[in-house]
Amino acid sequence: MANEKVKPLVLTDHDTDTKYILEFSRESVKFAEQRGFDINDVSKYPMTKIAEFFFYAFRMHHKNVPRDRTDHILFVDMGGVPDGMIERLVQLYSVPFEVLSEVSEGGEPKNAKVTVEF
């Protein structure tokens, strides 16, 4: 997935014409991790963790949307989790981690200004 762009999820509230763009940045992943979120828990504890994961997906573009609003969007407005949404959120969550191992086509680190020898 290194050179493949993962498209964000876009939710549209038709009553208010509000668009929500769901994706993750390094900051939003750190925000989630600092609160004890573990991506592996989504499959272990779906009743608890899917709503939490959904909330964190708002963080990158919609920091001021509170958890009770994201829960309402998920459970009332959307009526639950559509097929494929969790898989896409997992893909989006993984994107910021690619910067930790990003290499150019030639196998060299991109824009490396420091070398590491082992």
PDB file of N, CA and C in Angstrom:
ATOM      1  N   MET A   1       0.819  -1.184   0.000  1.00  0.00           N
ATOM      2  CA  MET A   1       0.000   0.000   0.000  1.00  0.00           C
ATOM      3  C   MET A   1       0.867   1.255   0.000  1.00  0.00           C
ATOM      4  N   ALA A   2       2.172   1.129  -0.032  1.00  0.00           N
ATOM      5  CA  ALA A   2       3.070   2.261   0.131  1.00  0.00           C
ATOM      6  C   ALA A   2       2.817   3.378  -0.869  1.00  0.00           C
ATOM      7  N   ASN A   3       2.581   3.080  -2.131  1.00  0.00           N
ATOM      8  CA  ASN A   3       2.367   4.123  -3.118  1.00  0.00           C
ATOM      9  C   ASN A   3       0.906   4.251  -3.519  1.00  0.00           C
ATOM     10  N   GLU A   4       0.032   3.538  -2.869  1.00  0.00           N
ATOM     11  CA  GLU A   4      -1.383   3.536  -3.187  1.00  0.00           C
ATOM     12  C   GLU A   4      -2.126   4.419  -2.199  1.00  0.00           C
ATOM     13  N   LYS A   5      -2.821   5.422  -2.688  1.00  0.00           N
ATOM     14  CA  LYS A   5      -3.565   6.345  -1.841  1.00  0.00           C
ATOM     15  C   LYS A   5      -4.855   5.676  -1.385  1.00  0.00           C
ATOM     16  N   VAL A   6      -5.084   5.695  -0.079  1.00  0.00           N
ATOM     17  CA  VAL A   6      -6.326   5.177   0.469  1.00  0.00           C
ATOM     18  C   VAL A   6      -7.282   6.353   0.591  1.00  0.00           C
ATOM     19  N   LYS A   7      -8.396   6.264  -0.095  1.00  0.00           N
ATOM     20  CA  LYS A   7      -9.362   7.359  -0.079  1.00  0.00           C
ATOM     21  C   LYS A   7     -10.054   7.433   1.279  1.00  0.00           C
ATOM     22  N   PRO A   8     -10.226   8.642   1.803  1.00  0.00           N
ATOM     23  CA  PRO A   8     -10.930   8.775   3.074  1.00  0.00           C
ATOM     24  C   PRO A   8     -12.405   8.415   2.918  1.00  0.00           C
ATOM     25  N   LEU A   9     -13.036   8.108   4.030  1.00  0.00           N
ATOM     26  CA  LEU A   9     -14.481   7.923   4.042  1.00  0.00           C
ATOM     27  C   LEU A   9     -15.112   9.303   4.126  1.00  0.00           C
ATOM     28  N   VAL A  10     -16.150   9.530   3.364  1.00  0.00           N
ATOM     29  CA  VAL A  10     -16.863  10.803   3.414  1.00  0.00           C
ATOM     30  C   VAL A  10     -18.317  10.503   3.769  1.00  0.00           C
ATOM     31  N   LEU A  11     -18.760  11.082   4.872  1.00  0.00           N
ATOM     32  CA  LEU A  11     -20.147  10.936   5.305  1.00  0.00           C
ATOM     33  C   LEU A  11     -20.860  12.252   5.037  1.00  0.00           C
ATOM     34  N   THR A  12     -22.072  12.176   4.524  1.00  0.00           N
ATOM     35  CA  THR A  12     -22.855  13.384   4.272  1.00  0.00           C
ATOM     36  C   THR A  12     -24.149  13.303   5.054  1.00  0.00           C
ATOM     37  N   ASP A  13     -24.366  14.295   5.910  1.00  0.00           N
ATOM     38  CA  ASP A  13     -25.618  14.424   6.649  1.00  0.00           C
ATOM     39  C   ASP A  13     -26.569  15.194   5.740  1.00  0.00           C
ATOM     40  N   HIS A  14     -27.560  14.516   5.197  1.00  0.00           N
ATOM     41  CA  HIS A  14     -28.459  15.127   4.223  1.00  0.00           C
ATOM     42  C   HIS A  14     -29.408  16.138   4.853  1.00  0.00           C
ATOM     43  N   ASP A  15     -29.626  16.072   6.159  1.00  0.00           N
ATOM     44  CA  ASP A  15     -30.480  17.055   6.821  1.00  0.00           C
ATOM     45  C   ASP A  15     -29.789  18.410   6.931  1.00  0.00           C
ATOM     46  N   THR A  16     -28.476  18.402   7.136  1.00  0.00           N
ATOM     47  CA  THR A  16     -27.736  19.647   7.339  1.00  0.00           C
ATOM     48  C   THR A  16     -26.742  19.947   6.221  1.00  0.00           C
ATOM     49  N   ASP A  17     -26.597  19.042   5.264  1.00  0.00           N
ATOM     50  CA  ASP A  17     -25.591  19.141   4.203  1.00  0.00           C
ATOM     51  C   ASP A  17     -24.170  19.232   4.755  1.00  0.00           C
ATOM     52  N   THR A  18     -23.950  18.657   5.917  1.00  0.00           N
ATOM     53  CA  THR A  18     -22.627  18.620   6.519  1.00  0.00           C
ATOM     54  C   THR A  18     -21.891  17.395   6.002  1.00  0.00           C
ATOM     55  N   LYS A  19     -20.646  17.608   5.574  1.00  0.00           N
ATOM     56  CA  LYS A  19     -19.794  16.499   5.140  1.00  0.00           C
ATOM     57  C   LYS A  19     -18.747  16.256   6.215  1.00  0.00           C
ATOM     58  N   TYR A  20     -18.553  14.994   6.550  1.00  0.00           N
ATOM     59  CA  TYR A  20     -17.513  14.578   7.490  1.00  0.00           C
ATOM     60  C   TYR A  20     -16.509  13.729   6.724  1.00  0.00           C
ATOM     61  N   ILE A  21     -15.244  14.091   6.828  1.00  0.00           N
ATOM     62  CA  ILE A  21     -14.181  13.330   6.174  1.00  0.00           C
ATOM     63  C   ILE A  21     -13.461  12.534   7.251  1.00  0.00           C
ATOM     64  N   LEU A  22     -13.469  11.219   7.104  1.00  0.00           N
ATOM     65  CA  LEU A  22     -12.859  10.341   8.091  1.00  0.00           C
ATOM     66  C   LEU A  22     -11.561   9.773   7.554  1.00  0.00           C
ATOM     67  N   GLU A  23     -10.480  10.051   8.247  1.00  0.00           N
ATOM     68  CA  GLU A  23      -9.181   9.461   7.964  1.00  0.00           C
ATOM     69  C   GLU A  23      -8.275   9.744   9.151  1.00  0.00           C
ATOM     70  N   PHE A  24      -7.047   9.268   9.068  1.00  0.00           N
ATOM     71  CA  PHE A  24      -6.117   9.381  10.189  1.00  0.00           C
ATOM     72  C   PHE A  24      -4.816  10.056   9.774  1.00  0.00           C
ATOM     73  N   SER A  25      -4.259  10.793  10.713  1.00  0.00           N
ATOM     74  CA  SER A  25      -2.932  11.392  10.579  1.00  0.00           C
ATOM     75  C   SER A  25      -2.088  10.856  11.731  1.00  0.00           C
ATOM     76  N   ARG A  26      -0.817  11.196  11.729  1.00  0.00           N
ATOM     77  CA  ARG A  26       0.017  10.787  12.868  1.00  0.00           C
ATOM     78  C   ARG A  26      -0.553  11.350  14.164  1.00  0.00           C
ATOM     79  N   GLU A  27      -1.008  12.595  14.127  1.00  0.00           N
ATOM     80  CA  GLU A  27      -1.562  13.217  15.331  1.00  0.00           C
ATOM     81  C   GLU A  27      -2.818  12.494  15.816  1.00  0.00           C
ATOM     82  N   SER A  28      -3.696  12.130  14.902  1.00  0.00           N
ATOM     83  CA  SER A  28      -4.935  11.481  15.329  1.00  0.00           C
ATOM     84  C   SER A  28      -4.689  10.054  15.828  1.00  0.00           C
ATOM     85  N   VAL A  29      -3.710   9.367  15.250  1.00  0.00           N
ATOM     86  CA  VAL A  29      -3.349   8.035  15.748  1.00  0.00           C
ATOM     87  C   VAL A  29      -2.731   8.162  17.145  1.00  0.00           C
ATOM     88  N   LYS A  30      -1.847   9.141  17.324  1.00  0.00           N
ATOM     89  CA  LYS A  30      -1.247   9.361  18.646  1.00  0.00           C
ATOM     90  C   LYS A  30      -2.331   9.703  19.673  1.00  0.00           C
ATOM     91  N   PHE A  31      -3.287  10.515  19.281  1.00  0.00           N
ATOM     92  CA  PHE A  31      -4.410  10.870  20.156  1.00  0.00           C
ATOM     93  C   PHE A  31      -5.130   9.603  20.623  1.00  0.00           C
ATOM     94  N   ALA A  32      -5.410   8.707  19.690  1.00  0.00           N
ATOM     95  CA  ALA A  32      -6.087   7.446  20.015  1.00  0.00           C
ATOM     96  C   ALA A  32      -5.221   6.567  20.919  1.00  0.00           C
ATOM     97  N   GLU A  33      -3.954   6.429  20.562  1.00  0.00           N
ATOM     98  CA  GLU A  33      -3.051   5.577  21.351  1.00  0.00           C
ATOM     99  C   GLU A  33      -2.861   6.114  22.767  1.00  0.00           C
ATOM    100  N   GLN A  34      -2.792   7.424  22.914  1.00  0.00           N
ATOM    101  CA  GLN A  34      -2.627   8.018  24.243  1.00  0.00           C
ATOM    102  C   GLN A  34      -3.826   7.753  25.139  1.00  0.00           C
ATOM    103  N   ARG A  35      -4.934   7.398  24.539  1.00  0.00           N
ATOM    104  CA  ARG A  35      -6.139   7.070  25.303  1.00  0.00           C
ATOM    105  C   ARG A  35      -6.341   5.564  25.423  1.00  0.00           C
ATOM    106  N   GLY A  36      -5.299   4.805  25.095  1.00  0.00           N
ATOM    107  CA  GLY A  36      -5.329   3.360  25.270  1.00  0.00           C
ATOM    108  C   GLY A  36      -5.919   2.578  24.120  1.00  0.00           C
ATOM    109  N   PHE A  37      -6.174   3.231  22.991  1.00  0.00           N
ATOM    110  CA  PHE A  37      -6.744   2.519  21.853  1.00  0.00           C
ATOM    111  C   PHE A  37      -5.710   1.589  21.237  1.00  0.00           C
ATOM    112  N   ASP A  38      -6.127   0.358  20.964  1.00  0.00           N
ATOM    113  CA  ASP A  38      -5.300  -0.645  20.304  1.00  0.00           C
ATOM    114  C   ASP A  38      -6.112  -1.198  19.144  1.00  0.00           C
ATOM    115  N   ILE A  39      -5.621  -1.028  17.941  1.00  0.00           N
ATOM    116  CA  ILE A  39      -6.340  -1.457  16.738  1.00  0.00           C
ATOM    117  C   ILE A  39      -6.717  -2.934  16.792  1.00  0.00           C
ATOM    118  N   ASN A  40      -5.918  -3.753  17.461  1.00  0.00           N
ATOM    119  CA  ASN A  40      -6.213  -5.182  17.563  1.00  0.00           C
ATOM    120  C   ASN A  40      -7.440  -5.469  18.409  1.00  0.00           C
ATOM    121  N   ASP A  41      -7.820  -4.523  19.251  1.00  0.00           N
ATOM    122  CA  ASP A  41      -8.997  -4.711  20.096  1.00  0.00           C
ATOM    123  C   ASP A  41     -10.311  -4.552  19.336  1.00  0.00           C
ATOM    124  N   VAL A  42     -10.274  -3.976  18.146  1.00  0.00           N
ATOM    125  CA  VAL A  42     -11.506  -3.773  17.375  1.00  0.00           C
ATOM    126  C   VAL A  42     -12.177  -5.110  17.077  1.00  0.00           C
ATOM    127  N   SER A  43     -11.394  -6.113  16.715  1.00  0.00           N
ATOM    128  CA  SER A  43     -11.995  -7.422  16.433  1.00  0.00           C
ATOM    129  C   SER A  43     -12.294  -8.206  17.709  1.00  0.00           C
ATOM    130  N   LYS A  44     -11.544  -7.943  18.784  1.00  0.00           N
ATOM    131  CA  LYS A  44     -11.775  -8.656  20.050  1.00  0.00           C
ATOM    132  C   LYS A  44     -13.000  -8.134  20.805  1.00  0.00           C
ATOM    133  N   TYR A  45     -13.193  -6.815  20.769  1.00  0.00           N
ATOM    134  CA  TYR A  45     -14.271  -6.172  21.529  1.00  0.00           C
ATOM    135  C   TYR A  45     -15.065  -5.237  20.616  1.00  0.00           C
ATOM    136  N   PRO A  46     -15.715  -5.777  19.608  1.00  0.00           N
ATOM    137  CA  PRO A  46     -16.369  -4.913  18.620  1.00  0.00           C
ATOM    138  C   PRO A  46     -17.457  -4.000  19.188  1.00  0.00           C
ATOM    139  N   MET A  47     -18.212  -4.441  20.165  1.00  0.00           N
ATOM    140  CA  MET A  47     -19.294  -3.620  20.695  1.00  0.00           C
ATOM    141  C   MET A  47     -18.756  -2.335  21.330  1.00  0.00           C
ATOM    142  N   THR A  48     -17.591  -2.412  21.915  1.00  0.00           N
ATOM    143  CA  THR A  48     -16.972  -1.253  22.554  1.00  0.00           C
ATOM    144  C   THR A  48     -16.069  -0.497  21.593  1.00  0.00           C
ATOM    145  N   LYS A  49     -15.253  -1.206  20.882  1.00  0.00           N
ATOM    146  CA  LYS A  49     -14.161  -0.586  20.134  1.00  0.00           C
ATOM    147  C   LYS A  49     -14.541  -0.020  18.772  1.00  0.00           C
ATOM    148  N   ILE A  50     -15.581  -0.527  18.129  1.00  0.00           N
ATOM    149  CA  ILE A  50     -15.952   0.021  16.823  1.00  0.00           C
ATOM    150  C   ILE A  50     -16.406   1.472  16.961  1.00  0.00           C
ATOM    151  N   ALA A  51     -17.232   1.762  17.957  1.00  0.00           N
ATOM    152  CA  ALA A  51     -17.690   3.140  18.162  1.00  0.00           C
ATOM    153  C   ALA A  51     -16.522   4.050  18.537  1.00  0.00           C
ATOM    154  N   GLU A  52     -15.597   3.540  19.326  1.00  0.00           N
ATOM    155  CA  GLU A  52     -14.417   4.311  19.707  1.00  0.00           C
ATOM    156  C   GLU A  52     -13.545   4.590  18.473  1.00  0.00           C
ATOM    157  N   PHE A  53     -13.330   3.584  17.662  1.00  0.00           N
ATOM    158  CA  PHE A  53     -12.547   3.706  16.423  1.00  0.00           C
ATOM    159  C   PHE A  53     -13.185   4.735  15.494  1.00  0.00           C
ATOM    160  N   PHE A  54     -14.487   4.669  15.353  1.00  0.00           N
ATOM    161  CA  PHE A  54     -15.248   5.599  14.527  1.00  0.00           C
ATOM    162  C   PHE A  54     -15.035   7.033  15.026  1.00  0.00           C
ATOM    163  N   PHE A  55     -15.099   7.232  16.329  1.00  0.00           N
ATOM    164  CA  PHE A  55     -14.867   8.550  16.934  1.00  0.00           C
ATOM    165  C   PHE A  55     -13.468   9.066  16.587  1.00  0.00           C
ATOM    166  N   TYR A  56     -12.452   8.232  16.735  1.00  0.00           N
ATOM    167  CA  TYR A  56     -11.083   8.660  16.449  1.00  0.00           C
ATOM    168  C   TYR A  56     -10.889   9.012  14.977  1.00  0.00           C
ATOM    169  N   ALA A  57     -11.662   8.401  14.092  1.00  0.00           N
ATOM    170  CA  ALA A  57     -11.549   8.695  12.662  1.00  0.00           C
ATOM    171  C   ALA A  57     -11.972  10.130  12.332  1.00  0.00           C
ATOM    172  N   PHE A  58     -12.748  10.744  13.204  1.00  0.00           N
ATOM    173  CA  PHE A  58     -13.164  12.135  13.014  1.00  0.00           C
ATOM    174  C   PHE A  58     -12.053  13.110  13.388  1.00  0.00           C
ATOM    175  N   ARG A  59     -11.115  12.692  14.207  1.00  0.00           N
ATOM    176  CA  ARG A  59     -10.131  13.577  14.834  1.00  0.00           C
ATOM    177  C   ARG A  59      -9.302  14.394  13.835  1.00  0.00           C
ATOM    178  N   MET A  60      -8.916  13.827  12.729  1.00  0.00           N
ATOM    179  CA  MET A  60      -8.029  14.523  11.798  1.00  0.00           C
ATOM    180  C   MET A  60      -8.673  15.795  11.231  1.00  0.00           C
ATOM    181  N   HIS A  61      -9.930  15.719  10.849  1.00  0.00           N
ATOM    182  CA  HIS A  61     -10.594  16.852  10.201  1.00  0.00           C
ATOM    183  C   HIS A  61     -11.675  17.521  11.049  1.00  0.00           C
ATOM    184  N   HIS A  62     -12.131  16.849  12.085  1.00  0.00           N
ATOM    185  CA  HIS A  62     -13.271  17.360  12.861  1.00  0.00           C
ATOM    186  C   HIS A  62     -13.009  17.202  14.357  1.00  0.00           C
ATOM    187  N   LYS A  63     -11.986  17.874  14.853  1.00  0.00           N
ATOM    188  CA  LYS A  63     -11.571  17.743  16.254  1.00  0.00           C
ATOM    189  C   LYS A  63     -12.661  18.120  17.247  1.00  0.00           C
ATOM    190  N   ASN A  64     -13.574  18.969  16.841  1.00  0.00           N
ATOM    191  CA  ASN A  64     -14.588  19.464  17.778  1.00  0.00           C
ATOM    192  C   ASN A  64     -15.869  18.636  17.811  1.00  0.00           C
ATOM    193  N   VAL A  65     -15.915  17.558  17.046  1.00  0.00           N
ATOM    194  CA  VAL A  65     -17.101  16.699  17.074  1.00  0.00           C
ATOM    195  C   VAL A  65     -16.971  15.769  18.280  1.00  0.00           C
ATOM    196  N   PRO A  66     -17.885  15.889  19.250  1.00  0.00           N
ATOM    197  CA  PRO A  66     -17.778  15.072  20.462  1.00  0.00           C
ATOM    198  C   PRO A  66     -18.208  13.618  20.245  1.00  0.00           C
ATOM    199  N   ARG A  67     -17.808  12.793  21.176  1.00  0.00           N
ATOM    200  CA  ARG A  67     -18.086  11.356  21.095  1.00  0.00           C
ATOM    201  C   ARG A  67     -19.584  11.060  21.032  1.00  0.00           C
ATOM    202  N   ASP A  68     -20.398  11.785  21.785  1.00  0.00           N
ATOM    203  CA  ASP A  68     -21.837  11.499  21.740  1.00  0.00           C
ATOM    204  C   ASP A  68     -22.412  11.788  20.348  1.00  0.00           C
ATOM    205  N   ARG A  69     -21.850  12.759  19.644  1.00  0.00           N
ATOM    206  CA  ARG A  69     -22.300  13.063  18.273  1.00  0.00           C
ATOM    207  C   ARG A  69     -21.866  11.962  17.308  1.00  0.00           C
ATOM    208  N   THR A  70     -20.627  11.468  17.440  1.00  0.00           N
ATOM    209  CA  THR A  70     -20.190  10.393  16.540  1.00  0.00           C
ATOM    210  C   THR A  70     -20.969   9.111  16.811  1.00  0.00           C
ATOM    211  N   ASP A  71     -21.290   8.844  18.078  1.00  0.00           N
ATOM    212  CA  ASP A  71     -22.130   7.684  18.398  1.00  0.00           C
ATOM    213  C   ASP A  71     -23.512   7.826  17.758  1.00  0.00           C
ATOM    214  N   HIS A  72     -24.068   9.021  17.814  1.00  0.00           N
ATOM    215  CA  HIS A  72     -25.387   9.263  17.216  1.00  0.00           C
ATOM    216  C   HIS A  72     -25.325   9.064  15.699  1.00  0.00           C
ATOM    217  N   ILE A  73     -24.290   9.577  15.080  1.00  0.00           N
ATOM    218  CA  ILE A  73     -24.127   9.390  13.627  1.00  0.00           C
ATOM    219  C   ILE A  73     -24.048   7.904  13.301  1.00  0.00           C
ATOM    220  N   LEU A  74     -23.234   7.172  14.051  1.00  0.00           N
ATOM    221  CA  LEU A  74     -23.032   5.742  13.781  1.00  0.00           C
ATOM    222  C   LEU A  74     -24.291   4.916  14.013  1.00  0.00           C
ATOM    223  N   PHE A  75     -24.901   5.079  15.179  1.00  0.00           N
ATOM    224  CA  PHE A  75     -25.997   4.188  15.554  1.00  0.00           C
ATOM    225  C   PHE A  75     -27.375   4.659  15.127  1.00  0.00           C
ATOM    226  N   VAL A  76     -27.597   5.965  15.036  1.00  0.00           N
ATOM    227  CA  VAL A  76     -28.925   6.474  14.678  1.00  0.00           C
ATOM    228  C   VAL A  76     -28.965   6.909  13.216  1.00  0.00           C
ATOM    229  N   ASP A  77     -28.098   7.850  12.864  1.00  0.00           N
ATOM    230  CA  ASP A  77     -28.137   8.400  11.514  1.00  0.00           C
ATOM    231  C   ASP A  77     -27.764   7.370  10.447  1.00  0.00           C
ATOM    232  N   MET A  78     -26.719   6.586  10.704  1.00  0.00           N
ATOM    233  CA  MET A  78     -26.296   5.567   9.735  1.00  0.00           C
ATOM    234  C   MET A  78     -27.001   4.234   9.963  1.00  0.00           C
ATOM    235  N   GLY A  79     -27.492   4.019  11.159  1.00  0.00           N
ATOM    236  CA  GLY A  79     -28.166   2.759  11.462  1.00  0.00           C
ATOM    237  C   GLY A  79     -27.217   1.598  11.633  1.00  0.00           C
ATOM    238  N   GLY A  80     -25.965   1.873  11.942  1.00  0.00           N
ATOM    239  CA  GLY A  80     -24.981   0.815  12.145  1.00  0.00           C
ATOM    240  C   GLY A  80     -23.837   0.911  11.158  1.00  0.00           C
ATOM    241  N   VAL A  81     -23.044  -0.124  11.146  1.00  0.00           N
ATOM    242  CA  VAL A  81     -21.814  -0.156  10.354  1.00  0.00           C
ATOM    243  C   VAL A  81     -22.082  -0.778   8.983  1.00  0.00           C
ATOM    244  N   PRO A  82     -21.915   0.009   7.921  1.00  0.00           N
ATOM    245  CA  PRO A  82     -22.093  -0.568   6.581  1.00  0.00           C
ATOM    246  C   PRO A  82     -20.958  -1.532   6.224  1.00  0.00           C
ATOM    247  N   ASP A  83     -21.240  -2.473   5.348  1.00  0.00           N
ATOM    248  CA  ASP A  83     -20.219  -3.422   4.890  1.00  0.00           C
ATOM    249  C   ASP A  83     -19.011  -2.669   4.340  1.00  0.00           C
ATOM    250  N   GLY A  84     -17.840  -3.091   4.746  1.00  0.00           N
ATOM    251  CA  GLY A  84     -16.609  -2.534   4.241  1.00  0.00           C
ATOM    252  C   GLY A  84     -16.074  -1.333   5.016  1.00  0.00           C
ATOM    253  N   MET A  85     -16.874  -0.753   5.897  1.00  0.00           N
ATOM    254  CA  MET A  85     -16.428   0.454   6.588  1.00  0.00           C
ATOM    255  C   MET A  85     -15.278   0.184   7.559  1.00  0.00           C
ATOM    256  N   ILE A  86     -15.346  -0.878   8.318  1.00  0.00           N
ATOM    257  CA  ILE A  86     -14.286  -1.178   9.288  1.00  0.00           C
ATOM    258  C   ILE A  86     -12.981  -1.472   8.548  1.00  0.00           C
ATOM    259  N   GLU A  87     -13.058  -2.219   7.465  1.00  0.00           N
ATOM    260  CA  GLU A  87     -11.867  -2.523   6.688  1.00  0.00           C
ATOM    261  C   GLU A  87     -11.217  -1.247   6.169  1.00  0.00           C
ATOM    262  N   ARG A  88     -12.032  -0.303   5.682  1.00  0.00           N
ATOM    263  CA  ARG A  88     -11.480   0.951   5.181  1.00  0.00           C
ATOM    264  C   ARG A  88     -10.880   1.770   6.317  1.00  0.00           C
ATOM    265  N   LEU A  89     -11.533   1.795   7.479  1.00  0.00           N
ATOM    266  CA  LEU A  89     -10.971   2.521   8.621  1.00  0.00           C
ATOM    267  C   LEU A  89      -9.622   1.932   9.032  1.00  0.00           C
ATOM    268  N   VAL A  90      -9.508   0.613   8.991  1.00  0.00           N
ATOM    269  CA  VAL A  90      -8.233  -0.036   9.322  1.00  0.00           C
ATOM    270  C   VAL A  90      -7.165   0.384   8.315  1.00  0.00           C
ATOM    271  N   GLN A  91      -7.506   0.411   7.039  1.00  0.00           N
ATOM    272  CA  GLN A  91      -6.554   0.857   6.013  1.00  0.00           C
ATOM    273  C   GLN A  91      -6.131   2.301   6.268  1.00  0.00           C
ATOM    274  N   LEU A  92      -7.093   3.150   6.573  1.00  0.00           N
ATOM    275  CA  LEU A  92      -6.802   4.559   6.830  1.00  0.00           C
ATOM    276  C   LEU A  92      -5.936   4.726   8.077  1.00  0.00           C
ATOM    277  N   TYR A  93      -6.197   3.912   9.084  1.00  0.00           N
ATOM    278  CA  TYR A  93      -5.428   3.969  10.329  1.00  0.00           C
ATOM    279  C   TYR A  93      -3.967   3.577  10.081  1.00  0.00           C
ATOM    280  N   SER A  94      -3.750   2.695   9.122  1.00  0.00           N
ATOM    281  CA  SER A  94      -2.406   2.203   8.819  1.00  0.00           C
ATOM    282  C   SER A  94      -1.562   3.201   8.033  1.00  0.00           C
ATOM    283  N   VAL A  95      -2.183   4.112   7.320  1.00  0.00           N
ATOM    284  CA  VAL A  95      -1.454   5.042   6.451  1.00  0.00           C
ATOM    285  C   VAL A  95      -0.378   5.831   7.198  1.00  0.00           C
ATOM    286  N   PRO A  96      -0.649   6.433   8.349  1.00  0.00           N
ATOM    287  CA  PRO A  96       0.410   7.200   9.020  1.00  0.00           C
ATOM    288  C   PRO A  96       1.634   6.366   9.406  1.00  0.00           C
ATOM    289  N   PHE A  97       1.473   5.073   9.583  1.00  0.00           N
ATOM    290  CA  PHE A  97       2.595   4.212   9.955  1.00  0.00           C
ATOM    291  C   PHE A  97       3.567   4.018   8.798  1.00  0.00           C
ATOM    292  N   GLU A  98       3.109   4.219   7.563  1.00  0.00           N
ATOM    293  CA  GLU A  98       3.958   4.028   6.391  1.00  0.00           C
ATOM    294  C   GLU A  98       5.128   4.999   6.384  1.00  0.00           C
ATOM    295  N   VAL A  99       4.964   6.156   7.005  1.00  0.00           N
ATOM    296  CA  VAL A  99       6.052   7.133   7.042  1.00  0.00           C
ATOM    297  C   VAL A  99       7.252   6.596   7.823  1.00  0.00           C
ATOM    298  N   LEU A 100       7.017   5.658   8.711  1.00  0.00           N
ATOM    299  CA  LEU A 100       8.100   5.084   9.500  1.00  0.00           C
ATOM    300  C   LEU A 100       9.003   4.180   8.682  1.00  0.00           C
ATOM    301  N   SER A 101       8.493   3.654   7.570  1.00  0.00           N
ATOM    302  CA  SER A 101       9.297   2.732   6.763  1.00  0.00           C
ATOM    303  C   SER A 101       9.275   3.081   5.281  1.00  0.00           C
ATOM    304  N   GLU A 102       8.918   4.281   4.945  1.00  0.00           N
ATOM    305  CA  GLU A 102       8.814   4.702   3.548  1.00  0.00           C
ATOM    306  C   GLU A 102      10.180   4.673   2.869  1.00  0.00           C
ATOM    307  N   VAL A 103      10.251   4.011   1.724  1.00  0.00           N
ATOM    308  CA  VAL A 103      11.485   3.960   0.939  1.00  0.00           C
ATOM    309  C   VAL A 103      11.155   4.336  -0.498  1.00  0.00           C
ATOM    310  N   SER A 104      12.151   4.800  -1.200  1.00  0.00           N
ATOM    311  CA  SER A 104      11.967   5.158  -2.607  1.00  0.00           C
ATOM    312  C   SER A 104      11.951   3.893  -3.454  1.00  0.00           C
ATOM    313  N   GLU A 105      11.682   4.070  -4.755  1.00  0.00           N
ATOM    314  CA  GLU A 105      11.646   2.926  -5.661  1.00  0.00           C
ATOM    315  C   GLU A 105      12.979   2.203  -5.718  1.00  0.00           C
ATOM    316  N   GLY A 106      14.095   2.925  -5.497  1.00  0.00           N
ATOM    317  CA  GLY A 106      15.418   2.316  -5.520  1.00  0.00           C
ATOM    318  C   GLY A 106      15.784   1.629  -4.219  1.00  0.00           C
ATOM    319  N   GLY A 107      14.881   1.639  -3.240  1.00  0.00           N
ATOM    320  CA  GLY A 107      15.139   0.981  -1.969  1.00  0.00           C
ATOM    321  C   GLY A 107      15.815   1.866  -0.938  1.00  0.00           C
ATOM    322  N   GLU A 108      16.112   3.106  -1.311  1.00  0.00           N
ATOM    323  CA  GLU A 108      16.743   4.044  -0.384  1.00  0.00           C
ATOM    324  C   GLU A 108      15.667   4.865   0.326  1.00  0.00           C
ATOM    325  N   PRO A 109      15.925   5.261   1.567  1.00  0.00           N
ATOM    326  CA  PRO A 109      14.959   6.128   2.258  1.00  0.00           C
ATOM    327  C   PRO A 109      14.764   7.433   1.498  1.00  0.00           C
ATOM    328  N   LYS A 110      13.522   7.884   1.447  1.00  0.00           N
ATOM    329  CA  LYS A 110      13.221   9.141   0.764  1.00  0.00           C
ATOM    330  C   LYS A 110      13.774  10.306   1.569  1.00  0.00           C
ATOM    331  N   ASN A 111      14.399  11.244   0.864  1.00  0.00           N
ATOM    332  CA  ASN A 111      14.885  12.477   1.462  1.00  0.00           C
ATOM    333  C   ASN A 111      15.724  12.247   2.715  1.00  0.00           C
ATOM    334  N   ALA A 112      16.496  11.186   2.733  1.00  0.00           N
ATOM    335  CA  ALA A 112      17.303  10.867   3.917  1.00  0.00           C
ATOM    336  C   ALA A 112      18.401  11.889   4.106  1.00  0.00           C
ATOM    337  N   LYS A 113      18.447  12.489   5.288  1.00  0.00           N
ATOM    338  CA  LYS A 113      19.499  13.441   5.628  1.00  0.00           C
ATOM    339  C   LYS A 113      20.391  12.877   6.716  1.00  0.00           C
ATOM    340  N   VAL A 114      20.014  11.697   7.163  1.00  0.00           N
ATOM    341  CA  VAL A 114      20.777  10.995   8.205  1.00  0.00           C
ATOM    342  C   VAL A 114      20.862   9.544   7.784  1.00  0.00           C
ATOM    343  N   THR A 115      22.029   8.941   7.930  1.00  0.00           N
ATOM    344  CA  THR A 115      22.159   7.519   7.660  1.00  0.00           C
ATOM    345  C   THR A 115      22.322   6.782   8.978  1.00  0.00           C
ATOM    346  N   VAL A 116      21.936   5.542   8.973  1.00  0.00           N
ATOM    347  CA  VAL A 116      22.032   4.691  10.161  1.00  0.00           C
ATOM    348  C   VAL A 116      22.863   3.481   9.808  1.00  0.00           C
ATOM    349  N   GLU A 117      23.854   3.197  10.605  1.00  0.00           N
ATOM    350  CA  GLU A 117      24.661   1.999  10.410  1.00  0.00           C
ATOM    351  C   GLU A 117      24.457   1.088  11.604  1.00  0.00           C
ATOM    352  N   PHE A 118      24.362  -0.211  11.319  1.00  0.00           N
ATOM    353  CA  PHE A 118      24.172  -1.192  12.379  1.00  0.00           C
ATOM    354  C   PHE A 118      25.432  -2.010  12.522  1.00  0.00           C
TER     355      PHE A 118
END
